[in-house]
N, C-alpha and C. Protein backbone atom coordinates (compact mmCIF):
# COMPACT_ATOMS: atom_id res chain seq x y z
N UNK A 1 -32.08 55.94 -0.73
CA UNK A 1 -31.66 55.07 -1.80
C UNK A 1 -32.68 53.94 -1.89
N UNK A 2 -33.01 53.60 -3.12
CA UNK A 2 -34.01 52.57 -3.37
C UNK A 2 -33.45 51.19 -3.00
N UNK A 3 -34.33 50.34 -2.45
CA UNK A 3 -33.93 49.00 -2.06
C UNK A 3 -33.98 48.10 -3.34
N UNK A 4 -32.95 47.29 -3.51
CA UNK A 4 -32.90 46.39 -4.66
C UNK A 4 -33.82 45.23 -4.44
N UNK A 5 -34.47 44.78 -5.45
CA UNK A 5 -35.39 43.65 -5.32
C UNK A 5 -34.63 42.37 -5.13
N UNK A 6 -35.32 41.40 -4.48
CA UNK A 6 -34.71 40.10 -4.23
C UNK A 6 -34.37 39.40 -5.57
N UNK A 7 -35.22 39.57 -6.56
CA UNK A 7 -34.99 38.96 -7.86
C UNK A 7 -33.71 39.49 -8.50
N UNK A 8 -33.49 40.81 -8.41
CA UNK A 8 -32.28 41.38 -8.97
C UNK A 8 -31.06 40.80 -8.26
N UNK A 9 -31.12 40.71 -6.94
CA UNK A 9 -30.04 40.15 -6.16
C UNK A 9 -29.72 38.75 -6.58
N UNK A 10 -30.76 37.91 -6.78
CA UNK A 10 -30.55 36.54 -7.18
C UNK A 10 -29.95 36.47 -8.60
N UNK A 11 -30.43 37.35 -9.49
CA UNK A 11 -29.92 37.40 -10.82
C UNK A 11 -28.45 37.77 -10.86
N UNK A 12 -28.08 38.71 -10.03
CA UNK A 12 -26.69 39.15 -9.90
C UNK A 12 -25.80 37.99 -9.40
N UNK A 13 -26.30 37.25 -8.40
CA UNK A 13 -25.52 36.15 -7.85
C UNK A 13 -25.37 35.04 -8.91
N UNK A 14 -26.41 34.78 -9.69
CA UNK A 14 -26.34 33.75 -10.71
C UNK A 14 -25.36 34.16 -11.78
N UNK A 15 -25.35 35.43 -12.16
CA UNK A 15 -24.43 35.94 -13.15
C UNK A 15 -22.99 35.80 -12.66
N UNK A 16 -22.76 36.09 -11.39
CA UNK A 16 -21.41 35.97 -10.82
C UNK A 16 -20.97 34.52 -10.76
N UNK A 17 -21.88 33.60 -10.44
CA UNK A 17 -21.56 32.19 -10.44
C UNK A 17 -21.17 31.69 -11.81
N UNK A 18 -21.96 32.08 -12.83
CA UNK A 18 -21.64 31.69 -14.22
C UNK A 18 -20.31 32.24 -14.68
N UNK A 19 -20.01 33.47 -14.33
CA UNK A 19 -18.72 34.08 -14.70
C UNK A 19 -17.59 33.30 -14.02
N UNK A 20 -17.74 32.98 -12.77
CA UNK A 20 -16.73 32.26 -12.06
C UNK A 20 -16.55 30.84 -12.63
N UNK A 21 -17.65 30.22 -13.04
CA UNK A 21 -17.58 28.87 -13.67
C UNK A 21 -16.80 28.95 -14.98
N UNK A 22 -17.08 29.95 -15.82
CA UNK A 22 -16.32 30.11 -17.05
C UNK A 22 -14.83 30.32 -16.79
N UNK A 23 -14.58 31.17 -15.78
CA UNK A 23 -13.18 31.47 -15.47
C UNK A 23 -12.47 30.22 -14.90
N UNK A 24 -13.13 29.48 -14.05
CA UNK A 24 -12.52 28.27 -13.49
C UNK A 24 -12.26 27.24 -14.59
N UNK A 25 -13.19 27.07 -15.50
CA UNK A 25 -13.01 26.14 -16.61
C UNK A 25 -11.89 26.53 -17.49
N UNK A 26 -11.74 27.84 -17.75
CA UNK A 26 -10.69 28.33 -18.60
C UNK A 26 -9.32 28.10 -17.93
N UNK A 27 -9.28 28.33 -16.63
CA UNK A 27 -8.03 28.09 -15.91
C UNK A 27 -7.61 26.62 -15.96
N UNK A 28 -8.60 25.72 -15.81
CA UNK A 28 -8.29 24.30 -15.89
C UNK A 28 -7.84 23.92 -17.28
N UNK A 29 -8.53 24.42 -18.29
CA UNK A 29 -8.10 24.12 -19.64
C UNK A 29 -6.68 24.61 -19.92
N UNK A 30 -6.36 25.78 -19.44
CA UNK A 30 -5.01 26.33 -19.61
C UNK A 30 -3.98 25.42 -18.91
N UNK A 31 -4.32 24.99 -17.68
CA UNK A 31 -3.42 24.08 -16.95
C UNK A 31 -3.18 22.78 -17.72
N UNK A 32 -4.28 22.21 -18.24
CA UNK A 32 -4.21 20.94 -18.93
C UNK A 32 -3.40 21.12 -20.23
N UNK A 33 -3.64 22.16 -20.98
CA UNK A 33 -2.97 22.39 -22.24
C UNK A 33 -1.46 22.63 -22.03
N UNK A 34 -1.05 23.08 -20.84
CA UNK A 34 0.38 23.30 -20.61
C UNK A 34 1.02 22.15 -19.83
N UNK A 35 0.23 21.20 -19.32
CA UNK A 35 0.72 20.17 -18.49
C UNK A 35 1.08 18.88 -19.25
N UNK A 36 1.42 17.84 -18.50
CA UNK A 36 1.85 16.59 -19.12
C UNK A 36 0.76 15.86 -19.91
N UNK A 37 -0.52 16.23 -19.75
CA UNK A 37 -1.61 15.55 -20.43
C UNK A 37 -2.06 16.30 -21.68
N UNK A 38 -1.30 17.31 -22.08
CA UNK A 38 -1.77 18.18 -23.14
C UNK A 38 -2.03 17.42 -24.45
N UNK A 39 -1.26 16.42 -24.75
CA UNK A 39 -1.47 15.68 -26.00
C UNK A 39 -2.74 14.84 -25.99
N UNK A 40 -3.05 14.27 -24.82
CA UNK A 40 -4.20 13.39 -24.72
C UNK A 40 -5.52 14.11 -24.56
N UNK A 41 -5.53 15.30 -23.97
CA UNK A 41 -6.75 16.01 -23.66
C UNK A 41 -6.79 17.41 -24.25
N UNK A 42 -6.72 17.46 -25.54
CA UNK A 42 -6.76 18.81 -26.14
C UNK A 42 -8.18 19.32 -26.34
N UNK A 43 -9.14 18.40 -26.40
CA UNK A 43 -10.53 18.83 -26.58
C UNK A 43 -11.35 18.65 -25.31
N UNK A 44 -11.36 19.66 -24.50
CA UNK A 44 -12.14 19.64 -23.25
C UNK A 44 -13.41 20.44 -23.54
N UNK A 45 -14.54 19.83 -23.25
CA UNK A 45 -15.82 20.49 -23.45
C UNK A 45 -16.39 20.91 -22.12
N UNK A 46 -16.99 22.11 -22.09
CA UNK A 46 -17.58 22.54 -20.84
C UNK A 46 -18.84 21.76 -20.53
N UNK A 47 -19.75 21.65 -21.49
CA UNK A 47 -20.99 20.93 -21.31
C UNK A 47 -21.40 20.29 -22.61
N UNK A 48 -21.00 19.06 -22.86
CA UNK A 48 -21.39 18.37 -24.05
C UNK A 48 -22.92 18.25 -24.11
N UNK A 49 -23.51 18.58 -25.23
CA UNK A 49 -24.97 18.45 -25.38
C UNK A 49 -25.45 17.05 -25.16
N UNK A 50 -26.51 16.92 -24.40
CA UNK A 50 -27.11 15.59 -24.18
C UNK A 50 -26.46 14.80 -23.07
N UNK A 51 -25.48 15.37 -22.40
CA UNK A 51 -24.81 14.66 -21.30
C UNK A 51 -24.85 15.53 -20.04
N UNK A 52 -24.92 14.84 -18.94
CA UNK A 52 -24.92 15.53 -17.59
C UNK A 52 -23.61 16.26 -17.40
N UNK A 53 -23.67 17.38 -16.67
CA UNK A 53 -22.48 18.11 -16.30
C UNK A 53 -21.70 17.23 -15.33
N UNK A 54 -20.42 17.07 -15.55
CA UNK A 54 -19.60 16.19 -14.68
C UNK A 54 -19.52 16.75 -13.27
N UNK A 55 -19.66 18.03 -13.08
CA UNK A 55 -19.63 18.55 -11.72
C UNK A 55 -20.89 18.05 -10.96
N UNK A 56 -22.01 17.95 -11.63
CA UNK A 56 -23.22 17.43 -11.00
C UNK A 56 -23.08 15.92 -10.77
N UNK A 57 -22.49 15.24 -11.70
CA UNK A 57 -22.28 13.77 -11.56
C UNK A 57 -21.32 13.50 -10.39
N UNK A 58 -20.21 14.19 -10.33
CA UNK A 58 -19.25 13.99 -9.26
C UNK A 58 -19.87 14.32 -7.91
N UNK A 59 -20.68 15.39 -7.85
CA UNK A 59 -21.36 15.75 -6.58
C UNK A 59 -22.28 14.64 -6.12
N UNK A 60 -23.00 14.07 -7.07
CA UNK A 60 -23.93 12.96 -6.73
C UNK A 60 -23.12 11.73 -6.29
N UNK A 61 -22.01 11.52 -6.95
CA UNK A 61 -21.15 10.35 -6.66
C UNK A 61 -20.65 10.43 -5.21
N UNK A 62 -20.21 11.58 -4.75
CA UNK A 62 -19.65 11.71 -3.39
C UNK A 62 -20.71 11.98 -2.33
N UNK A 63 -21.96 12.23 -2.74
CA UNK A 63 -23.01 12.55 -1.80
C UNK A 63 -23.10 11.68 -0.53
N UNK A 64 -23.07 10.36 -0.68
CA UNK A 64 -23.15 9.54 0.52
C UNK A 64 -21.93 9.63 1.46
N UNK A 65 -20.86 10.21 0.98
CA UNK A 65 -19.62 10.28 1.78
C UNK A 65 -19.51 11.64 2.50
N UNK A 66 -20.37 12.53 2.19
CA UNK A 66 -20.28 13.84 2.84
C UNK A 66 -20.79 13.72 4.26
N UNK A 67 -20.20 14.45 5.15
CA UNK A 67 -20.60 14.48 6.54
C UNK A 67 -21.86 15.32 6.70
N UNK A 68 -22.98 14.70 6.92
CA UNK A 68 -24.27 15.39 7.05
C UNK A 68 -24.42 16.08 8.43
N UNK A 69 -23.69 15.56 9.39
CA UNK A 69 -23.81 16.09 10.74
C UNK A 69 -23.10 17.47 10.90
N UNK A 70 -21.99 17.58 10.26
CA UNK A 70 -21.19 18.83 10.36
C UNK A 70 -20.90 19.43 9.03
N UNK A 71 -20.73 20.71 8.98
CA UNK A 71 -20.33 21.37 7.72
C UNK A 71 -18.89 21.02 7.43
N UNK A 72 -18.66 20.51 6.24
CA UNK A 72 -17.29 20.13 5.85
C UNK A 72 -16.53 21.37 5.43
N UNK A 73 -15.24 21.37 5.77
CA UNK A 73 -14.38 22.48 5.39
C UNK A 73 -13.93 22.29 3.91
N UNK A 74 -13.35 23.33 3.36
CA UNK A 74 -12.84 23.28 2.00
C UNK A 74 -11.83 22.14 1.85
N UNK A 75 -10.90 22.02 2.84
CA UNK A 75 -9.87 20.98 2.78
C UNK A 75 -10.50 19.59 2.87
N UNK A 76 -11.49 19.42 3.68
CA UNK A 76 -12.17 18.09 3.80
C UNK A 76 -12.85 17.75 2.52
N UNK A 77 -13.54 18.71 1.88
CA UNK A 77 -14.21 18.48 0.62
C UNK A 77 -13.22 18.17 -0.46
N UNK A 78 -12.08 18.91 -0.51
CA UNK A 78 -11.08 18.66 -1.53
C UNK A 78 -10.49 17.24 -1.36
N UNK A 79 -10.27 16.83 -0.13
CA UNK A 79 -9.75 15.47 0.09
C UNK A 79 -10.72 14.44 -0.38
N UNK A 80 -12.00 14.63 -0.02
CA UNK A 80 -13.03 13.71 -0.46
C UNK A 80 -13.10 13.62 -2.02
N UNK A 81 -13.09 14.80 -2.65
CA UNK A 81 -13.11 14.79 -4.10
C UNK A 81 -11.90 14.16 -4.75
N UNK A 82 -10.76 14.36 -4.13
CA UNK A 82 -9.53 13.75 -4.64
C UNK A 82 -9.62 12.23 -4.60
N UNK A 83 -10.12 11.69 -3.53
CA UNK A 83 -10.28 10.24 -3.41
C UNK A 83 -11.33 9.74 -4.40
N UNK A 84 -12.42 10.54 -4.52
CA UNK A 84 -13.51 10.15 -5.44
C UNK A 84 -13.01 10.13 -6.90
N UNK A 85 -12.22 11.09 -7.27
CA UNK A 85 -11.70 11.12 -8.63
C UNK A 85 -10.79 9.92 -8.92
N UNK A 86 -9.97 9.57 -7.96
CA UNK A 86 -9.12 8.38 -8.10
C UNK A 86 -10.00 7.18 -8.32
N UNK A 87 -11.02 7.02 -7.46
CA UNK A 87 -11.90 5.84 -7.55
C UNK A 87 -12.68 5.86 -8.86
N UNK A 88 -13.18 7.03 -9.27
CA UNK A 88 -13.96 7.12 -10.53
C UNK A 88 -13.11 6.65 -11.74
N UNK A 89 -11.92 7.20 -11.83
CA UNK A 89 -11.07 6.86 -12.98
C UNK A 89 -10.59 5.42 -12.91
N UNK A 90 -10.33 4.91 -11.72
CA UNK A 90 -9.94 3.54 -11.51
C UNK A 90 -11.04 2.59 -11.98
N UNK A 91 -12.29 2.95 -11.72
CA UNK A 91 -13.43 2.16 -12.10
C UNK A 91 -13.57 2.05 -13.61
N UNK A 92 -12.97 2.95 -14.35
CA UNK A 92 -13.04 2.96 -15.81
C UNK A 92 -12.02 1.94 -16.45
N UNK A 93 -11.08 1.50 -15.64
CA UNK A 93 -10.11 0.51 -16.11
C UNK A 93 -10.79 -0.84 -16.18
N UNK A 94 -10.24 -1.73 -17.02
CA UNK A 94 -10.73 -3.12 -17.02
C UNK A 94 -10.55 -3.72 -15.62
N UNK A 95 -11.50 -4.52 -15.20
CA UNK A 95 -11.50 -5.07 -13.83
C UNK A 95 -10.23 -5.78 -13.47
N UNK A 96 -9.62 -6.46 -14.44
CA UNK A 96 -8.36 -7.19 -14.15
C UNK A 96 -7.16 -6.30 -13.97
N UNK A 97 -7.29 -5.00 -14.24
CA UNK A 97 -6.16 -4.07 -14.08
C UNK A 97 -6.30 -3.19 -12.84
N UNK A 98 -7.45 -3.22 -12.23
CA UNK A 98 -7.73 -2.30 -11.10
C UNK A 98 -6.88 -2.53 -9.88
N UNK A 99 -6.71 -3.81 -9.50
CA UNK A 99 -5.99 -4.12 -8.29
C UNK A 99 -4.54 -3.63 -8.34
N UNK A 100 -3.90 -3.89 -9.46
CA UNK A 100 -2.49 -3.47 -9.64
C UNK A 100 -2.41 -1.95 -9.69
N UNK A 101 -3.35 -1.33 -10.36
CA UNK A 101 -3.34 0.15 -10.47
C UNK A 101 -3.57 0.77 -9.11
N UNK A 102 -4.49 0.23 -8.32
CA UNK A 102 -4.74 0.75 -6.99
C UNK A 102 -3.52 0.57 -6.10
N UNK A 103 -2.89 -0.55 -6.19
CA UNK A 103 -1.68 -0.81 -5.38
C UNK A 103 -0.62 0.24 -5.72
N UNK A 104 -0.47 0.54 -7.01
CA UNK A 104 0.54 1.56 -7.43
C UNK A 104 0.16 2.94 -6.94
N UNK A 105 -1.12 3.27 -7.00
CA UNK A 105 -1.62 4.58 -6.54
C UNK A 105 -1.34 4.77 -5.06
N UNK A 106 -1.72 3.71 -4.29
CA UNK A 106 -1.50 3.78 -2.82
C UNK A 106 -0.01 3.89 -2.52
N UNK A 107 0.80 3.14 -3.24
CA UNK A 107 2.27 3.17 -3.02
C UNK A 107 2.78 4.56 -3.30
N UNK A 108 2.37 5.18 -4.38
CA UNK A 108 2.89 6.50 -4.77
C UNK A 108 2.37 7.62 -3.88
N UNK A 109 1.06 7.62 -3.65
CA UNK A 109 0.47 8.75 -2.92
C UNK A 109 0.63 8.65 -1.40
N UNK A 110 0.72 7.44 -0.87
CA UNK A 110 0.71 7.26 0.58
C UNK A 110 1.97 6.60 1.09
N UNK A 111 3.09 6.70 0.34
CA UNK A 111 4.32 6.13 0.83
C UNK A 111 4.70 6.85 2.14
N UNK A 112 5.15 6.05 3.09
CA UNK A 112 5.52 6.60 4.37
C UNK A 112 4.37 6.72 5.35
N UNK A 113 3.15 6.49 4.87
CA UNK A 113 1.98 6.55 5.75
C UNK A 113 1.84 5.25 6.49
N UNK A 114 1.14 5.31 7.58
CA UNK A 114 0.83 4.15 8.40
C UNK A 114 0.14 3.07 7.55
N UNK A 115 0.55 1.80 7.65
CA UNK A 115 -0.09 0.73 6.85
C UNK A 115 -1.56 0.59 7.13
N UNK A 116 -1.98 0.87 8.34
CA UNK A 116 -3.44 0.83 8.66
C UNK A 116 -4.17 1.90 7.86
N UNK A 117 -3.60 3.09 7.79
CA UNK A 117 -4.22 4.19 6.99
C UNK A 117 -4.27 3.80 5.51
N UNK A 118 -3.17 3.23 5.02
CA UNK A 118 -3.16 2.78 3.62
C UNK A 118 -4.27 1.74 3.35
N UNK A 119 -4.43 0.81 4.27
CA UNK A 119 -5.48 -0.19 4.08
C UNK A 119 -6.87 0.43 4.12
N UNK A 120 -7.09 1.38 5.03
CA UNK A 120 -8.38 2.03 5.10
C UNK A 120 -8.68 2.85 3.83
N UNK A 121 -7.66 3.49 3.30
CA UNK A 121 -7.83 4.24 2.03
C UNK A 121 -8.18 3.29 0.89
N UNK A 122 -7.49 2.12 0.84
CA UNK A 122 -7.76 1.12 -0.20
C UNK A 122 -9.21 0.65 -0.10
N UNK A 123 -9.68 0.46 1.14
CA UNK A 123 -11.08 0.01 1.37
C UNK A 123 -12.07 1.04 0.88
N UNK A 124 -11.80 2.30 1.20
CA UNK A 124 -12.70 3.43 0.78
C UNK A 124 -12.71 3.51 -0.73
N UNK A 125 -11.55 3.46 -1.35
CA UNK A 125 -11.51 3.56 -2.81
C UNK A 125 -12.22 2.37 -3.43
N UNK A 126 -12.02 1.17 -2.92
CA UNK A 126 -12.69 0.02 -3.49
C UNK A 126 -14.22 0.13 -3.33
N UNK A 127 -14.66 0.70 -2.21
CA UNK A 127 -16.08 0.94 -2.02
C UNK A 127 -16.63 1.94 -3.02
N UNK A 128 -15.88 2.99 -3.29
CA UNK A 128 -16.28 3.98 -4.27
C UNK A 128 -16.27 3.43 -5.71
N UNK A 129 -15.29 2.54 -5.99
CA UNK A 129 -15.26 1.90 -7.32
C UNK A 129 -16.52 1.08 -7.50
N UNK A 130 -16.92 0.36 -6.45
CA UNK A 130 -18.14 -0.46 -6.50
C UNK A 130 -19.35 0.46 -6.74
N UNK A 131 -19.35 1.60 -6.03
CA UNK A 131 -20.49 2.58 -6.25
C UNK A 131 -20.54 3.07 -7.64
N UNK A 132 -19.38 3.38 -8.24
CA UNK A 132 -19.30 3.85 -9.60
C UNK A 132 -19.86 2.77 -10.58
N UNK A 133 -19.43 1.51 -10.32
CA UNK A 133 -19.88 0.39 -11.14
C UNK A 133 -21.39 0.21 -11.04
N UNK A 134 -21.92 0.36 -9.86
CA UNK A 134 -23.35 0.11 -9.63
C UNK A 134 -24.27 1.20 -10.12
N UNK A 135 -23.89 2.46 -9.80
CA UNK A 135 -24.82 3.55 -10.06
C UNK A 135 -24.44 4.47 -11.24
N UNK A 136 -23.19 4.42 -11.70
CA UNK A 136 -22.72 5.30 -12.73
C UNK A 136 -22.03 4.56 -13.88
N UNK A 137 -22.39 3.32 -14.06
CA UNK A 137 -21.69 2.45 -15.04
C UNK A 137 -21.78 3.00 -16.46
N UNK A 138 -22.86 3.68 -16.84
CA UNK A 138 -22.98 4.17 -18.19
C UNK A 138 -22.10 5.39 -18.46
N UNK A 139 -21.64 6.04 -17.46
CA UNK A 139 -20.79 7.23 -17.64
C UNK A 139 -19.30 6.77 -17.74
N UNK A 140 -18.73 6.86 -18.91
CA UNK A 140 -17.38 6.39 -19.16
C UNK A 140 -16.38 7.54 -19.34
N UNK A 141 -16.72 8.71 -18.85
CA UNK A 141 -15.84 9.87 -19.00
C UNK A 141 -14.80 9.89 -17.88
N UNK A 142 -13.56 10.03 -18.27
CA UNK A 142 -12.49 10.21 -17.28
C UNK A 142 -12.50 11.64 -16.76
N UNK A 143 -12.27 11.77 -15.46
CA UNK A 143 -12.16 13.09 -14.88
C UNK A 143 -10.69 13.52 -15.00
N UNK A 144 -10.46 14.59 -15.68
CA UNK A 144 -9.12 15.09 -15.97
C UNK A 144 -8.64 16.01 -14.91
N UNK A 145 -9.53 16.86 -14.39
CA UNK A 145 -9.18 17.86 -13.40
C UNK A 145 -10.44 18.32 -12.72
N UNK A 146 -10.30 18.91 -11.56
CA UNK A 146 -11.46 19.54 -10.88
C UNK A 146 -10.92 20.66 -10.06
N UNK A 147 -11.85 21.57 -9.75
CA UNK A 147 -11.50 22.69 -8.93
C UNK A 147 -12.67 23.01 -8.00
N UNK A 148 -12.40 23.13 -6.72
CA UNK A 148 -13.41 23.46 -5.73
C UNK A 148 -13.07 24.81 -5.14
N UNK A 149 -14.07 25.70 -5.20
CA UNK A 149 -13.88 27.04 -4.63
C UNK A 149 -14.88 27.29 -3.55
N UNK A 150 -14.41 27.98 -2.51
CA UNK A 150 -15.26 28.36 -1.39
C UNK A 150 -15.79 29.79 -1.69
N UNK A 151 -17.10 29.89 -1.84
CA UNK A 151 -17.72 31.20 -2.11
C UNK A 151 -18.21 31.86 -0.87
N UNK A 152 -17.90 31.31 0.27
CA UNK A 152 -18.32 31.92 1.52
C UNK A 152 -19.61 31.29 2.02
N UNK A 153 -20.64 31.29 1.20
CA UNK A 153 -21.93 30.69 1.60
C UNK A 153 -22.14 29.31 0.98
N UNK A 154 -21.35 28.96 0.00
CA UNK A 154 -21.43 27.65 -0.65
C UNK A 154 -20.10 27.35 -1.35
N UNK A 155 -19.98 26.10 -1.81
CA UNK A 155 -18.79 25.69 -2.55
C UNK A 155 -19.20 25.53 -4.01
N UNK A 156 -18.25 25.84 -4.88
CA UNK A 156 -18.50 25.74 -6.33
C UNK A 156 -17.50 24.74 -6.91
N UNK A 157 -18.02 23.68 -7.56
CA UNK A 157 -17.22 22.65 -8.16
C UNK A 157 -17.25 22.77 -9.67
N UNK A 158 -16.04 22.75 -10.26
CA UNK A 158 -15.88 22.73 -11.70
C UNK A 158 -15.10 21.49 -12.05
N UNK A 159 -15.53 20.75 -13.05
CA UNK A 159 -14.89 19.51 -13.44
C UNK A 159 -14.60 19.53 -14.93
N UNK A 160 -13.40 19.11 -15.30
CA UNK A 160 -13.02 18.91 -16.68
C UNK A 160 -12.89 17.39 -16.89
N UNK A 161 -13.51 16.91 -17.96
CA UNK A 161 -13.48 15.47 -18.22
C UNK A 161 -13.26 15.24 -19.73
N UNK A 162 -13.04 13.95 -20.01
CA UNK A 162 -12.90 13.58 -21.41
C UNK A 162 -14.26 13.71 -22.10
N UNK A 163 -14.27 13.74 -23.37
CA UNK A 163 -15.47 13.88 -24.18
C UNK A 163 -16.19 12.52 -24.15
N UNK A 164 -17.52 12.54 -23.98
CA UNK A 164 -18.27 11.27 -23.98
C UNK A 164 -18.03 10.46 -25.23
N UNK A 165 -17.78 9.20 -25.06
CA UNK A 165 -17.59 8.32 -26.18
C UNK A 165 -16.19 8.27 -26.76
N UNK A 166 -15.33 9.13 -26.29
CA UNK A 166 -13.92 9.18 -26.78
C UNK A 166 -13.05 8.39 -25.85
N UNK A 167 -12.41 7.33 -26.29
CA UNK A 167 -11.49 6.60 -25.44
C UNK A 167 -10.22 7.37 -25.19
N UNK A 168 -9.62 7.12 -24.05
CA UNK A 168 -8.34 7.77 -23.73
C UNK A 168 -7.22 6.96 -24.40
N UNK A 169 -6.35 7.65 -25.10
CA UNK A 169 -5.24 6.97 -25.73
C UNK A 169 -4.19 6.61 -24.70
N UNK A 170 -3.57 5.42 -24.94
CA UNK A 170 -2.50 5.01 -23.98
C UNK A 170 -1.16 5.29 -24.56
């Protein structure tokens, strides 16, 4: 049997990644259209022309928080991304509303948790908000949903966000 070329193998892997990305985005769009945010986020774009892919932006945003010493598990990465998404969206609020919103988020998500853990989470989120303000201030897109998949040799991140320049209705 003839040996397949390395180029063919890479092409096949790329094709599979693209198919999985389209499928993941479709699944997220379906979830959003059926969920509580369906009225606010009916127009989800996969890749708006002239704007960075939000999966790339979110990956860059969490980069400094990834454990470089050890390979992070799927659960660890999902936890990190969940915190990052909270911080990202919180940073899009007016500064005078952030403290109250963070207090509510911590109360809802971490009720029953140790107060020290709650304080540490608040500090991490505030640090990430400052990072968003400093390095990603021009990007005003809310992250609506994300999906992280373990492909065995790598992780694949898909992000759904609001359309650039479109404010979120309250």
